[in-house]
Amino acid sequence: MLDRIDDLEREALASLADVDSAEALERWRIAHLGAKGALKRVAAGLKEVPREEKPAVGKRLNEVKAALESAFEAKKAGLGASTPSRAGGAHLDMTEPGLAPAVGRRHVLSRVREELVDVFGRMGFEVAEGPELEDEEHNFVKLNMPPDHPGRDPIDNFYIEGEAHDAAARMLRSQTSTVQIRVMETRRPPLKIISPGRVYRPDTVDATHSFMFHQLEGLYVDRDVSMVDLSTTLFQFARAYFGADAEVRLTPSYFPFTEPSAEFYMKIRLRPDEPAQWIELGGCGMVDPAVFEAVGYDPEEWTGFAFGFGIERIAMGKHGVPDIRMLFENDLRVLEQL
């Protein structure tokens, strides 16, 4: 590809040297810099260039374009040529298409969220939503998190009204598991829901953490649901979204609202020049009987599993974004590539 670009530059500059009139100069411009010119045709092949070579090829294309435009302007000045116009009597190339306006698109996080909802929707999950301003009853108590649990520490949560361990306290939810509780309070099994949404934790912002991020929580409650159903669902999700060669694994862990519990890891390459590494996407497990009792379900009759993913981490893995901050800085140089 770089050889083609170099050849194009040499041939264009050589032919420009033979131009001796304003009309010939305009024909040269159309042939080399026009919307259907040689430079555009070569640039169209950029999509076939290997990903790791695209920055170098793109840079070279821009250099050649700038060089040809500069040479064109210099030649035009030397000939005393002017831009063709009706007033000057020169012809207009009516066959040359206009420049299409730049059109924006939805943010990458919004698109990833919709894609995840679509994948799980094909598995039979419906979307449920809940408030972002929550009480401790739904954010902690009914999720089997005792008062001394580290996750309930006031410095690890955003309280808007009242204080920790106060029934009247209001806080920004720290997890979308609150939606599961609200759904189970109002509906009887079987249930199969996902709840995507924003959550808030006063984390120190770095390459993998933010004080506001997005989660997608899943819940399946029915008779005779097992850990096999959970692992199958997660593996099928990974391969449906990331491809058939996705490498995934479950590692035993602990969460107060599931037992047994596990963390869901996937092998992801965040930078093209670095090897893939195991990245934790979220937690999962079988719903703890204490959670069922808190919402009025009989744990002897019903079983279920739950899982939760960080949508940012999935977006980073899908699109090779090495730093979560790049998703929120609104830098068009980044967003145009996603």
C-alpha atoms as a PDB file:
ATOM      1  CA  MET A   1       0.000   0.000   0.000  1.00  0.00           C
ATOM      2  CA  LEU A   2       2.837   2.401   0.840  1.00  0.00           C
ATOM      3  CA  ASP A   3       4.466   1.599  -2.525  1.00  0.00           C
ATOM      4  CA  ARG A   4       1.228   2.431  -4.347  1.00  0.00           C
ATOM      5  CA  ILE A   5       1.050   5.767  -2.548  1.00  0.00           C
ATOM      6  CA  ASP A   6       4.672   6.576  -3.410  1.00  0.00           C
ATOM      7  CA  ASP A   7       4.081   5.689  -7.088  1.00  0.00           C
ATOM      8  CA  LEU A   8       0.983   7.876  -7.185  1.00  0.00           C
ATOM      9  CA  GLU A   9       2.939  10.857  -5.825  1.00  0.00           C
ATOM     10  CA  ARG A  10       5.787  10.479  -8.336  1.00  0.00           C
ATOM     11  CA  GLU A  11       3.442  10.104 -11.323  1.00  0.00           C
ATOM     12  CA  ALA A  12       1.239  13.024 -10.264  1.00  0.00           C
ATOM     13  CA  LEU A  13       4.147  15.410  -9.753  1.00  0.00           C
ATOM     14  CA  ALA A  14       5.719  14.316 -13.019  1.00  0.00           C
ATOM     15  CA  SER A  15       2.532  14.974 -14.979  1.00  0.00           C
ATOM     16  CA  LEU A  16       2.040  18.317 -13.190  1.00  0.00           C
ATOM     17  CA  ALA A  17       5.400  19.483 -14.520  1.00  0.00           C
ATOM     18  CA  ASP A  18       4.047  19.188 -18.094  1.00  0.00           C
ATOM     19  CA  VAL A  19       0.910  21.282 -17.420  1.00  0.00           C
ATOM     20  CA  ASP A  20       1.035  24.535 -19.358  1.00  0.00           C
ATOM     21  CA  SER A  21      -2.478  25.995 -19.154  1.00  0.00           C
ATOM     22  CA  ALA A  22      -5.270  26.660 -16.666  1.00  0.00           C
ATOM     23  CA  GLU A  23      -7.504  24.133 -18.447  1.00  0.00           C
ATOM     24  CA  ALA A  24      -4.859  21.421 -18.285  1.00  0.00           C
ATOM     25  CA  LEU A  25      -4.233  22.252 -14.624  1.00  0.00           C
ATOM     26  CA  GLU A  26      -7.921  21.779 -13.827  1.00  0.00           C
ATOM     27  CA  ARG A  27      -7.933  18.428 -15.645  1.00  0.00           C
ATOM     28  CA  TRP A  28      -4.892  17.418 -13.575  1.00  0.00           C
ATOM     29  CA  ARG A  29      -6.683  18.411 -10.359  1.00  0.00           C
ATOM     30  CA  ILE A  30      -9.756  16.322 -11.232  1.00  0.00           C
ATOM     31  CA  ALA A  31      -7.628  13.343 -12.241  1.00  0.00           C
ATOM     32  CA  HIS A  32      -5.525  13.313  -9.083  1.00  0.00           C
ATOM     33  CA  LEU A  33      -7.329  15.246  -6.319  1.00  0.00           C
ATOM     34  CA  GLY A  34     -10.952  15.051  -7.432  1.00  0.00           C
ATOM     35  CA  ALA A  35     -13.697  13.026  -5.734  1.00  0.00           C
ATOM     36  CA  LYS A  36     -13.058  10.196  -8.201  1.00  0.00           C
ATOM     37  CA  GLY A  37      -9.370  10.898  -8.612  1.00  0.00           C
ATOM     38  CA  ALA A  38      -6.366   8.660  -8.156  1.00  0.00           C
ATOM     39  CA  LEU A  39      -5.773   9.667  -4.530  1.00  0.00           C
ATOM     40  CA  LYS A  40      -9.354   8.822  -3.544  1.00  0.00           C
ATOM     41  CA  ARG A  41      -9.120   5.442  -5.248  1.00  0.00           C
ATOM     42  CA  VAL A  42      -5.933   4.563  -3.410  1.00  0.00           C
ATOM     43  CA  ALA A  43      -7.380   5.778  -0.098  1.00  0.00           C
ATOM     44  CA  ALA A  44     -10.360   3.454  -0.562  1.00  0.00           C
ATOM     45  CA  GLY A  45      -7.985   0.538  -0.123  1.00  0.00           C
ATOM     46  CA  LEU A  46      -7.214   1.611   3.465  1.00  0.00           C
ATOM     47  CA  LYS A  47      -9.983  -0.645   4.769  1.00  0.00           C
ATOM     48  CA  GLU A  48      -8.059  -3.688   3.533  1.00  0.00           C
ATOM     49  CA  VAL A  49      -4.841  -2.703   5.321  1.00  0.00           C
ATOM     50  CA  PRO A  50      -4.017  -4.736   8.471  1.00  0.00           C
ATOM     51  CA  ARG A  51      -5.044  -2.884  11.611  1.00  0.00           C
ATOM     52  CA  GLU A  52      -1.504  -2.459  12.915  1.00  0.00           C
ATOM     53  CA  GLU A  53      -0.397  -0.830   9.618  1.00  0.00           C
ATOM     54  CA  LYS A  54      -3.297   1.632   9.282  1.00  0.00           C
ATOM     55  CA  PRO A  55      -1.706   4.518  11.264  1.00  0.00           C
ATOM     56  CA  ALA A  56       1.400   4.554   9.041  1.00  0.00           C
ATOM     57  CA  VAL A  57      -0.615   4.239   5.824  1.00  0.00           C
ATOM     58  CA  GLY A  58      -3.075   6.932   6.884  1.00  0.00           C
ATOM     59  CA  LYS A  59      -0.228   9.278   7.780  1.00  0.00           C
ATOM     60  CA  ARG A  60       1.424   8.739   4.392  1.00  0.00           C
ATOM     61  CA  LEU A  61      -1.855   9.379   2.547  1.00  0.00           C
ATOM     62  CA  ASN A  62      -2.252  12.707   4.354  1.00  0.00           C
ATOM     63  CA  GLU A  63       1.354  13.663   3.524  1.00  0.00           C
ATOM     64  CA  VAL A  64       0.883  12.919  -0.188  1.00  0.00           C
ATOM     65  CA  LYS A  65      -2.433  14.778  -0.286  1.00  0.00           C
ATOM     66  CA  ALA A  66      -0.820  17.832   1.298  1.00  0.00           C
ATOM     67  CA  ALA A  67       2.131  17.640  -1.112  1.00  0.00           C
ATOM     68  CA  LEU A  68      -0.088  17.417  -4.210  1.00  0.00           C
ATOM     69  CA  GLU A  69      -2.345  20.241  -3.041  1.00  0.00           C
ATOM     70  CA  SER A  70       0.682  22.440  -2.351  1.00  0.00           C
ATOM     71  CA  ALA A  71       2.151  21.652  -5.769  1.00  0.00           C
ATOM     72  CA  PHE A  72      -1.209  22.400  -7.401  1.00  0.00           C
ATOM     73  CA  GLU A  73      -1.461  25.821  -5.738  1.00  0.00           C
ATOM     74  CA  ALA A  74       2.116  26.654  -6.675  1.00  0.00           C
ATOM     75  CA  LYS A  75       1.482  25.684 -10.301  1.00  0.00           C
ATOM     76  CA  LYS A  76      -1.739  27.670 -10.388  1.00  0.00           C
ATOM     77  CA  ALA A  77       0.053  30.748  -9.094  1.00  0.00           C
ATOM     78  CA  GLY A  78       2.775  30.268 -11.680  1.00  0.00           C
ATOM     79  CA  LEU A  79       0.275  30.063 -14.536  1.00  0.00           C
ATOM     80  CA  GLY A  80      -1.769  32.942 -13.242  1.00  0.00           C
ATOM     81  CA  ALA A  81      -4.736  30.560 -13.127  1.00  0.00           C
ATOM     82  CA  SER A  82      -7.855  31.185 -11.096  1.00  0.00           C
ATOM     83  CA  THR A  83     -10.554  28.896  -9.817  1.00  0.00           C
ATOM     84  CA  PRO A  84     -12.988  28.095 -12.655  1.00  0.00           C
ATOM     85  CA  SER A  85     -16.254  29.965 -12.313  1.00  0.00           C
ATOM     86  CA  ARG A  86     -19.226  30.992 -14.375  1.00  0.00           C
ATOM     87  CA  ALA A  87     -18.210  34.632 -14.042  1.00  0.00           C
ATOM     88  CA  GLY A  88     -14.850  33.925 -15.636  1.00  0.00           C
ATOM     89  CA  GLY A  89     -16.418  31.890 -18.387  1.00  0.00           C
ATOM     90  CA  ALA A  90     -14.523  28.725 -17.497  1.00  0.00           C
ATOM     91  CA  HIS A  91     -16.468  25.475 -17.347  1.00  0.00           C
ATOM     92  CA  LEU A  92     -17.655  23.742 -14.186  1.00  0.00           C
ATOM     93  CA  ASP A  93     -17.272  20.011 -13.844  1.00  0.00           C
ATOM     94  CA  MET A  94     -20.935  19.161 -13.234  1.00  0.00           C
ATOM     95  CA  THR A  95     -20.109  15.449 -13.002  1.00  0.00           C
ATOM     96  CA  GLU A  96     -18.018  15.891  -9.869  1.00  0.00           C
ATOM     97  CA  PRO A  97     -20.100  14.897  -6.817  1.00  0.00           C
ATOM     98  CA  GLY A  98     -20.469  17.281  -3.915  1.00  0.00           C
ATOM     99  CA  LEU A  99     -18.858  16.811  -0.537  1.00  0.00           C
ATOM    100  CA  ALA A 100     -21.080  14.835   1.814  1.00  0.00           C
ATOM    101  CA  PRO A 101     -21.676  16.533   5.182  1.00  0.00           C
ATOM    102  CA  ALA A 102     -20.145  14.922   8.235  1.00  0.00           C
ATOM    103  CA  VAL A 103     -22.771  12.839  10.020  1.00  0.00           C
ATOM    104  CA  GLY A 104     -22.456  11.904  13.678  1.00  0.00           C
ATOM    105  CA  ARG A 105     -23.505   8.660  15.345  1.00  0.00           C
ATOM    106  CA  ARG A 106     -24.464   7.411  18.771  1.00  0.00           C
ATOM    107  CA  HIS A 107     -21.808   7.165  21.458  1.00  0.00           C
ATOM    108  CA  VAL A 108     -19.963   3.848  21.613  1.00  0.00           C
ATOM    109  CA  LEU A 109     -21.343   3.081  25.106  1.00  0.00           C
ATOM    110  CA  SER A 110     -24.922   3.551  23.906  1.00  0.00           C
ATOM    111  CA  ARG A 111     -24.266   1.271  20.951  1.00  0.00           C
ATOM    112  CA  VAL A 112     -22.609  -1.420  23.100  1.00  0.00           C
ATOM    113  CA  ARG A 113     -25.509  -1.315  25.557  1.00  0.00           C
ATOM    114  CA  GLU A 114     -27.993  -1.858  22.722  1.00  0.00           C
ATOM    115  CA  GLU A 115     -25.888  -4.693  21.319  1.00  0.00           C
ATOM    116  CA  LEU A 116     -25.776  -6.435  24.719  1.00  0.00           C
ATOM    117  CA  VAL A 117     -29.536  -6.062  25.162  1.00  0.00           C
ATOM    118  CA  ASP A 118     -29.981  -7.600  21.715  1.00  0.00           C
ATOM    119  CA  VAL A 119     -27.739 -10.592  22.508  1.00  0.00           C
ATOM    120  CA  PHE A 120     -29.496 -11.367  25.775  1.00  0.00           C
ATOM    121  CA  GLY A 121     -32.873 -10.633  24.208  1.00  0.00           C
ATOM    122  CA  ARG A 122     -32.238 -13.509  21.806  1.00  0.00           C
ATOM    123  CA  MET A 123     -31.701 -15.695  24.891  1.00  0.00           C
ATOM    124  CA  GLY A 124     -35.114 -14.750  26.247  1.00  0.00           C
ATOM    125  CA  PHE A 125     -34.158 -11.963  28.690  1.00  0.00           C
ATOM    126  CA  GLU A 126     -36.397  -8.902  28.930  1.00  0.00           C
ATOM    127  CA  VAL A 127     -35.211  -5.431  29.987  1.00  0.00           C
ATOM    128  CA  ALA A 128     -36.156  -4.048  33.420  1.00  0.00           C
ATOM    129  CA  GLU A 129     -35.272  -0.612  34.773  1.00  0.00           C
ATOM    130  CA  GLY A 130     -35.204   1.019  38.188  1.00  0.00           C
ATOM    131  CA  PRO A 131     -34.355   4.328  39.903  1.00  0.00           C
ATOM    132  CA  GLU A 132     -30.794   5.584  40.222  1.00  0.00           C
ATOM    133  CA  LEU A 133     -31.635   7.248  43.550  1.00  0.00           C
ATOM    134  CA  GLU A 134     -32.062   4.360  45.964  1.00  0.00           C
ATOM    135  CA  ASP A 135     -32.541   3.459  49.624  1.00  0.00           C
ATOM    136  CA  GLU A 136     -30.366   1.119  51.666  1.00  0.00           C
ATOM    137  CA  GLU A 137     -33.170  -1.445  51.821  1.00  0.00           C
ATOM    138  CA  HIS A 138     -32.838  -2.186  48.110  1.00  0.00           C
ATOM    139  CA  ASN A 139     -29.161  -1.344  47.658  1.00  0.00           C
ATOM    140  CA  PHE A 140     -27.907  -3.396  50.609  1.00  0.00           C
ATOM    141  CA  VAL A 141     -30.338  -4.988  53.059  1.00  0.00           C
ATOM    142  CA  LYS A 142     -32.354  -7.193  50.711  1.00  0.00           C
ATOM    143  CA  LEU A 143     -29.165  -8.134  48.899  1.00  0.00           C
ATOM    144  CA  ASN A 144     -27.959  -9.846  52.079  1.00  0.00           C
ATOM    145  CA  MET A 145     -25.289  -7.235  52.855  1.00  0.00           C
ATOM    146  CA  PRO A 146     -25.021  -6.847  56.667  1.00  0.00           C
ATOM    147  CA  PRO A 147     -24.337  -3.448  58.287  1.00  0.00           C
ATOM    148  CA  ASP A 148     -20.650  -4.257  58.797  1.00  0.00           C
ATOM    149  CA  HIS A 149     -20.053  -5.275  55.171  1.00  0.00           C
ATOM    150  CA  PRO A 150     -17.173  -3.227  53.645  1.00  0.00           C
ATOM    151  CA  GLY A 151     -19.315  -2.331  50.643  1.00  0.00           C
ATOM    152  CA  ARG A 152     -21.641  -0.345  52.927  1.00  0.00           C
ATOM    153  CA  ASP A 153     -18.927   1.946  54.238  1.00  0.00           C
ATOM    154  CA  PRO A 154     -20.041   5.595  53.807  1.00  0.00           C
ATOM    155  CA  ILE A 155     -16.763   6.498  52.082  1.00  0.00           C
ATOM    156  CA  ASP A 156     -17.519   3.913  49.383  1.00  0.00           C
ATOM    157  CA  ASN A 157     -20.964   5.274  48.486  1.00  0.00           C
ATOM    158  CA  PHE A 158     -22.629   8.521  47.438  1.00  0.00           C
ATOM    159  CA  TYR A 159     -25.244   9.475  50.053  1.00  0.00           C
ATOM    160  CA  ILE A 160     -27.594  12.246  48.943  1.00  0.00           C
ATOM    161  CA  GLU A 161     -29.900  12.420  51.978  1.00  0.00           C
ATOM    162  CA  GLY A 162     -29.382  11.146  55.507  1.00  0.00           C
ATOM    163  CA  GLU A 163     -26.535   8.988  56.748  1.00  0.00           C
ATOM    164  CA  ALA A 164     -25.481   5.364  56.413  1.00  0.00           C
ATOM    165  CA  HIS A 165     -27.665   2.788  58.230  1.00  0.00           C
ATOM    166  CA  ASP A 166     -30.526   5.301  58.356  1.00  0.00           C
ATOM    167  CA  ALA A 167     -33.824   3.972  56.975  1.00  0.00           C
ATOM    168  CA  ALA A 168     -34.560   7.407  55.514  1.00  0.00           C
ATOM    169  CA  ALA A 169     -31.177   7.699  53.785  1.00  0.00           C
ATOM    170  CA  ARG A 170     -31.077   8.110  50.019  1.00  0.00           C
ATOM    171  CA  MET A 171     -28.053   7.272  47.887  1.00  0.00           C
ATOM    172  CA  LEU A 172     -26.960   6.924  44.291  1.00  0.00           C
ATOM    173  CA  ARG A 173     -27.183   3.206  43.611  1.00  0.00           C
ATOM    174  CA  SER A 174     -23.853   1.404  43.657  1.00  0.00           C
ATOM    175  CA  GLN A 175     -25.101  -1.564  41.610  1.00  0.00           C
ATOM    176  CA  THR A 176     -27.964  -2.439  39.278  1.00  0.00           C
ATOM    177  CA  SER A 177     -28.796  -5.454  41.475  1.00  0.00           C
ATOM    178  CA  THR A 178     -31.311  -3.096  43.081  1.00  0.00           C
ATOM    179  CA  VAL A 179     -33.497  -3.566  39.989  1.00  0.00           C
ATOM    180  CA  GLN A 180     -33.568  -7.320  40.573  1.00  0.00           C
ATOM    181  CA  ILE A 181     -34.930  -6.775  44.069  1.00  0.00           C
ATOM    182  CA  ARG A 182     -37.609  -4.361  42.868  1.00  0.00           C
ATOM    183  CA  VAL A 183     -38.718  -6.750  40.126  1.00  0.00           C
ATOM    184  CA  MET A 184     -38.879  -9.744  42.479  1.00  0.00           C
ATOM    185  CA  GLU A 185     -40.909  -7.683  44.969  1.00  0.00           C
ATOM    186  CA  THR A 186     -43.629  -7.126  42.380  1.00  0.00           C
ATOM    187  CA  ARG A 187     -43.574 -10.257  40.194  1.00  0.00           C
ATOM    188  CA  ARG A 188     -43.698 -13.981  40.699  1.00  0.00           C
ATOM    189  CA  PRO A 189     -41.328 -16.468  39.037  1.00  0.00           C
ATOM    190  CA  PRO A 190     -40.325 -17.521  36.500  1.00  0.00           C
ATOM    191  CA  LEU A 191     -38.284 -14.393  35.730  1.00  0.00           C
ATOM    192  CA  LYS A 192     -35.630 -13.750  33.124  1.00  0.00           C
ATOM    193  CA  ILE A 193     -34.504 -10.119  33.097  1.00  0.00           C
ATOM    194  CA  ILE A 194     -31.527  -7.880  32.421  1.00  0.00           C
ATOM    195  CA  SER A 195     -31.176  -4.373  33.864  1.00  0.00           C
ATOM    196  CA  PRO A 196     -28.667  -2.052  32.163  1.00  0.00           C
ATOM    197  CA  GLY A 197     -27.976   1.331  33.734  1.00  0.00           C
ATOM    198  CA  ARG A 198     -25.644   3.797  35.432  1.00  0.00           C
ATOM    199  CA  VAL A 199     -24.137   3.137  38.858  1.00  0.00           C
ATOM    200  CA  TYR A 200     -22.014   5.317  41.125  1.00  0.00           C
ATOM    201  CA  ARG A 201     -19.062   4.628  43.428  1.00  0.00           C
ATOM    202  CA  PRO A 202     -16.484   7.159  44.698  1.00  0.00           C
ATOM    203  CA  ASP A 203     -13.560   5.314  43.106  1.00  0.00           C
ATOM    204  CA  THR A 204     -10.305   7.002  42.171  1.00  0.00           C
ATOM    205  CA  VAL A 205     -10.354   7.553  38.433  1.00  0.00           C
ATOM    206  CA  ASP A 206      -7.680   5.625  36.561  1.00  0.00           C
ATOM    207  CA  ALA A 207      -7.348   3.523  33.403  1.00  0.00           C
ATOM    208  CA  THR A 208      -9.936   0.954  34.579  1.00  0.00           C
ATOM    209  CA  HIS A 209     -12.061   2.793  37.184  1.00  0.00           C
ATOM    210  CA  SER A 210     -14.507   5.694  37.237  1.00  0.00           C
ATOM    211  CA  PHE A 211     -16.867   7.213  39.819  1.00  0.00           C
ATOM    212  CA  MET A 212     -19.747   6.696  37.365  1.00  0.00           C
ATOM    213  CA  PHE A 213     -19.996   3.736  35.030  1.00  0.00           C
ATOM    214  CA  HIS A 214     -22.550   1.407  33.472  1.00  0.00           C
ATOM    215  CA  GLN A 215     -23.556  -2.089  34.483  1.00  0.00           C
ATOM    216  CA  LEU A 216     -25.728  -4.755  32.951  1.00  0.00           C
ATOM    217  CA  GLU A 217     -27.269  -7.049  35.550  1.00  0.00           C
ATOM    218  CA  GLY A 218     -28.965 -10.354  34.723  1.00  0.00           C
ATOM    219  CA  LEU A 219     -31.368 -12.526  36.729  1.00  0.00           C
ATOM    220  CA  TYR A 220     -33.002 -15.865  35.957  1.00  0.00           C
ATOM    221  CA  VAL A 221     -35.370 -17.463  38.473  1.00  0.00           C
ATOM    222  CA  ASP A 222     -37.234 -20.722  37.895  1.00  0.00           C
ATOM    223  CA  ARG A 223     -37.410 -24.250  39.219  1.00  0.00           C
ATOM    224  CA  ASP A 224     -34.232 -26.350  39.025  1.00  0.00           C
ATOM    225  CA  VAL A 225     -31.935 -23.601  37.746  1.00  0.00           C
ATOM    226  CA  SER A 226     -28.308 -24.655  38.217  1.00  0.00           C
ATOM    227  CA  MET A 227     -24.750 -23.388  37.928  1.00  0.00           C
ATOM    228  CA  VAL A 228     -24.570 -25.192  34.584  1.00  0.00           C
ATOM    229  CA  ASP A 229     -27.327 -22.901  33.271  1.00  0.00           C
ATOM    230  CA  LEU A 230     -25.348 -19.871  34.459  1.00  0.00           C
ATOM    231  CA  SER A 231     -22.027 -20.906  32.898  1.00  0.00           C
ATOM    232  CA  THR A 232     -23.737 -21.888  29.638  1.00  0.00           C
ATOM    233  CA  THR A 233     -25.471 -18.500  29.439  1.00  0.00           C
ATOM    234  CA  LEU A 234     -22.249 -16.582  30.032  1.00  0.00           C
ATOM    235  CA  PHE A 235     -20.194 -18.649  27.604  1.00  0.00           C
ATOM    236  CA  GLN A 236     -22.862 -18.356  24.915  1.00  0.00           C
ATOM    237  CA  PHE A 237     -22.994 -14.588  25.467  1.00  0.00           C
ATOM    238  CA  ALA A 238     -19.208 -14.233  25.130  1.00  0.00           C
ATOM    239  CA  ARG A 239     -19.072 -16.219  21.912  1.00  0.00           C
ATOM    240  CA  ALA A 240     -22.132 -14.507  20.429  1.00  0.00           C
ATOM    241  CA  TYR A 241     -20.728 -11.035  21.127  1.00  0.00           C
ATOM    242  CA  PHE A 242     -16.954 -11.432  20.837  1.00  0.00           C
ATOM    243  CA  GLY A 243     -16.779 -14.346  18.399  1.00  0.00           C
ATOM    244  CA  ALA A 244     -16.525 -18.123  18.455  1.00  0.00           C
ATOM    245  CA  ASP A 245     -12.867 -18.022  19.539  1.00  0.00           C
ATOM    246  CA  ALA A 246     -13.555 -16.031  22.732  1.00  0.00           C
ATOM    247  CA  GLU A 247     -11.576 -17.402  25.690  1.00  0.00           C
ATOM    248  CA  VAL A 248     -13.551 -17.243  28.940  1.00  0.00           C
ATOM    249  CA  ARG A 249     -13.356 -18.723  32.411  1.00  0.00           C
ATOM    250  CA  LEU A 250     -15.108 -18.635  35.792  1.00  0.00           C
ATOM    251  CA  THR A 251     -13.034 -18.241  38.967  1.00  0.00           C
ATOM    252  CA  PRO A 252     -14.523 -18.935  42.445  1.00  0.00           C
ATOM    253  CA  SER A 253     -15.219 -15.778  44.437  1.00  0.00           C
ATOM    254  CA  TYR A 254     -17.526 -14.365  47.124  1.00  0.00           C
ATOM    255  CA  PHE A 255     -20.531 -12.057  46.941  1.00  0.00           C
ATOM    256  CA  PRO A 256     -23.098 -11.713  49.751  1.00  0.00           C
ATOM    257  CA  PHE A 257     -26.087 -12.072  47.408  1.00  0.00           C
ATOM    258  CA  THR A 258     -24.954 -15.228  45.573  1.00  0.00           C
ATOM    259  CA  GLU A 259     -23.751 -18.630  46.760  1.00  0.00           C
ATOM    260  CA  PRO A 260     -21.763 -20.173  45.185  1.00  0.00           C
ATOM    261  CA  SER A 261     -20.190 -17.142  43.498  1.00  0.00           C
ATOM    262  CA  ALA A 262     -17.682 -16.617  40.724  1.00  0.00           C
ATOM    263  CA  GLU A 263     -15.910 -13.931  38.736  1.00  0.00           C
ATOM    264  CA  PHE A 264     -16.221 -13.995  34.954  1.00  0.00           C
ATOM    265  CA  TYR A 265     -12.962 -13.423  33.071  1.00  0.00           C
ATOM    266  CA  MET A 266     -12.227 -13.092  29.382  1.00  0.00           C
ATOM    267  CA  LYS A 267      -8.938 -12.945  27.480  1.00  0.00           C
ATOM    268  CA  ILE A 268      -8.812  -9.553  25.799  1.00  0.00           C
ATOM    269  CA  ARG A 269      -6.193  -7.633  23.819  1.00  0.00           C
ATOM    270  CA  LEU A 270      -6.493  -3.946  24.766  1.00  0.00           C
ATOM    271  CA  ARG A 271      -3.478  -2.793  22.715  1.00  0.00           C
ATOM    272  CA  PRO A 272      -2.435  -4.202  19.319  1.00  0.00           C
ATOM    273  CA  ASP A 273       1.218  -4.301  20.368  1.00  0.00           C
ATOM    274  CA  GLU A 274       0.596  -6.203  23.613  1.00  0.00           C
ATOM    275  CA  PRO A 275      -0.462  -9.801  24.278  1.00  0.00           C
ATOM    276  CA  ALA A 276      -4.037 -10.553  25.333  1.00  0.00           C
ATOM    277  CA  GLN A 277      -4.636 -10.657  29.076  1.00  0.00           C
ATOM    278  CA  TRP A 278      -7.342 -11.983  31.365  1.00  0.00           C
ATOM    279  CA  ILE A 279      -9.758  -9.152  32.209  1.00  0.00           C
ATOM    280  CA  GLU A 280     -12.536  -9.452  34.806  1.00  0.00           C
ATOM    281  CA  LEU A 281     -15.850  -8.537  33.175  1.00  0.00           C
ATOM    282  CA  GLY A 282     -18.028  -9.048  36.255  1.00  0.00           C
ATOM    283  CA  GLY A 283     -19.365 -11.310  38.974  1.00  0.00           C
ATOM    284  CA  CYS A 284     -21.994 -14.024  38.995  1.00  0.00           C
ATOM    285  CA  GLY A 285     -23.432 -16.886  41.013  1.00  0.00           C
ATOM    286  CA  MET A 286     -26.530 -18.661  42.279  1.00  0.00           C
ATOM    287  CA  VAL A 287     -28.963 -16.369  44.089  1.00  0.00           C
ATOM    288  CA  ASP A 288     -28.528 -16.734  47.854  1.00  0.00           C
ATOM    289  CA  PRO A 289     -31.634 -18.171  49.614  1.00  0.00           C
ATOM    290  CA  ALA A 290     -31.562 -15.172  51.990  1.00  0.00           C
ATOM    291  CA  VAL A 291     -32.229 -12.863  49.014  1.00  0.00           C
ATOM    292  CA  PHE A 292     -35.244 -14.967  47.985  1.00  0.00           C
ATOM    293  CA  GLU A 293     -36.599 -14.850  51.538  1.00  0.00           C
ATOM    294  CA  ALA A 294     -36.199 -11.050  51.605  1.00  0.00           C
ATOM    295  CA  VAL A 295     -38.515 -10.682  48.592  1.00  0.00           C
ATOM    296  CA  GLY A 296     -41.012 -13.370  49.633  1.00  0.00           C
ATOM    297  CA  TYR A 297     -39.837 -16.228  47.385  1.00  0.00           C
ATOM    298  CA  ASP A 298     -39.678 -19.745  48.774  1.00  0.00           C
ATOM    299  CA  PRO A 299     -36.031 -20.881  48.342  1.00  0.00           C
ATOM    300  CA  GLU A 300     -37.173 -24.498  48.614  1.00  0.00           C
ATOM    301  CA  GLU A 301     -39.271 -24.031  45.472  1.00  0.00           C
ATOM    302  CA  TRP A 302     -37.275 -21.548  43.419  1.00  0.00           C
ATOM    303  CA  THR A 303     -33.640 -21.316  42.368  1.00  0.00           C
ATOM    304  CA  GLY A 304     -31.901 -18.799  40.177  1.00  0.00           C
ATOM    305  CA  PHE A 305     -28.688 -17.203  39.023  1.00  0.00           C
ATOM    306  CA  ALA A 306     -27.531 -13.601  38.723  1.00  0.00           C
ATOM    307  CA  PHE A 307     -24.635 -11.889  36.960  1.00  0.00           C
ATOM    308  CA  GLY A 308     -23.362  -8.371  36.525  1.00  0.00           C
ATOM    309  CA  PHE A 309     -21.037  -6.877  33.871  1.00  0.00           C
ATOM    310  CA  GLY A 310     -19.320  -3.544  33.519  1.00  0.00           C
ATOM    311  CA  ILE A 311     -20.455  -2.201  30.133  1.00  0.00           C
ATOM    312  CA  GLU A 312     -17.348  -0.008  29.849  1.00  0.00           C
ATOM    313  CA  ARG A 313     -15.087  -3.031  30.228  1.00  0.00           C
ATOM    314  CA  ILE A 314     -16.992  -4.878  27.541  1.00  0.00           C
ATOM    315  CA  ALA A 315     -16.732  -1.845  25.242  1.00  0.00           C
ATOM    316  CA  MET A 316     -12.996  -1.620  25.952  1.00  0.00           C
ATOM    317  CA  GLY A 317     -12.555  -5.296  25.129  1.00  0.00           C
ATOM    318  CA  LYS A 318     -14.694  -5.132  22.012  1.00  0.00           C
ATOM    319  CA  HIS A 319     -13.018  -2.051  20.540  1.00  0.00           C
ATOM    320  CA  GLY A 320      -9.498  -2.310  21.989  1.00  0.00           C
ATOM    321  CA  VAL A 321      -9.727   0.792  24.219  1.00  0.00           C
ATOM    322  CA  PRO A 322      -6.882   0.718  26.777  1.00  0.00           C
ATOM    323  CA  ASP A 323      -8.160   3.483  29.104  1.00  0.00           C
ATOM    324  CA  ILE A 324     -11.726   3.972  30.371  1.00  0.00           C
ATOM    325  CA  ARG A 325     -11.226   7.738  30.436  1.00  0.00           C
ATOM    326  CA  MET A 326     -11.068   7.762  26.643  1.00  0.00           C
ATOM    327  CA  LEU A 327     -14.766   6.821  26.606  1.00  0.00           C
ATOM    328  CA  PHE A 328     -15.778   9.970  28.510  1.00  0.00           C
ATOM    329  CA  GLU A 329     -13.412  12.689  27.300  1.00  0.00           C
ATOM    330  CA  ASN A 330     -15.414  13.318  24.088  1.00  0.00           C
ATOM    331  CA  ASP A 331     -12.232  13.517  22.026  1.00  0.00           C
ATOM    332  CA  LEU A 332     -13.423  13.248  18.427  1.00  0.00           C
ATOM    333  CA  ARG A 333     -10.080  11.780  17.367  1.00  0.00           C
ATOM    334  CA  VAL A 334     -10.924   8.797  19.572  1.00  0.00           C
ATOM    335  CA  LEU A 335     -14.681   8.597  19.053  1.00  0.00           C
ATOM    336  CA  GLU A 336     -14.379   8.667  15.259  1.00  0.00           C
ATOM    337  CA  GLN A 337     -12.438   5.392  15.451  1.00  0.00           C
ATOM    338  CA  LEU A 338     -15.011   3.549  17.605  1.00  0.00           C
END
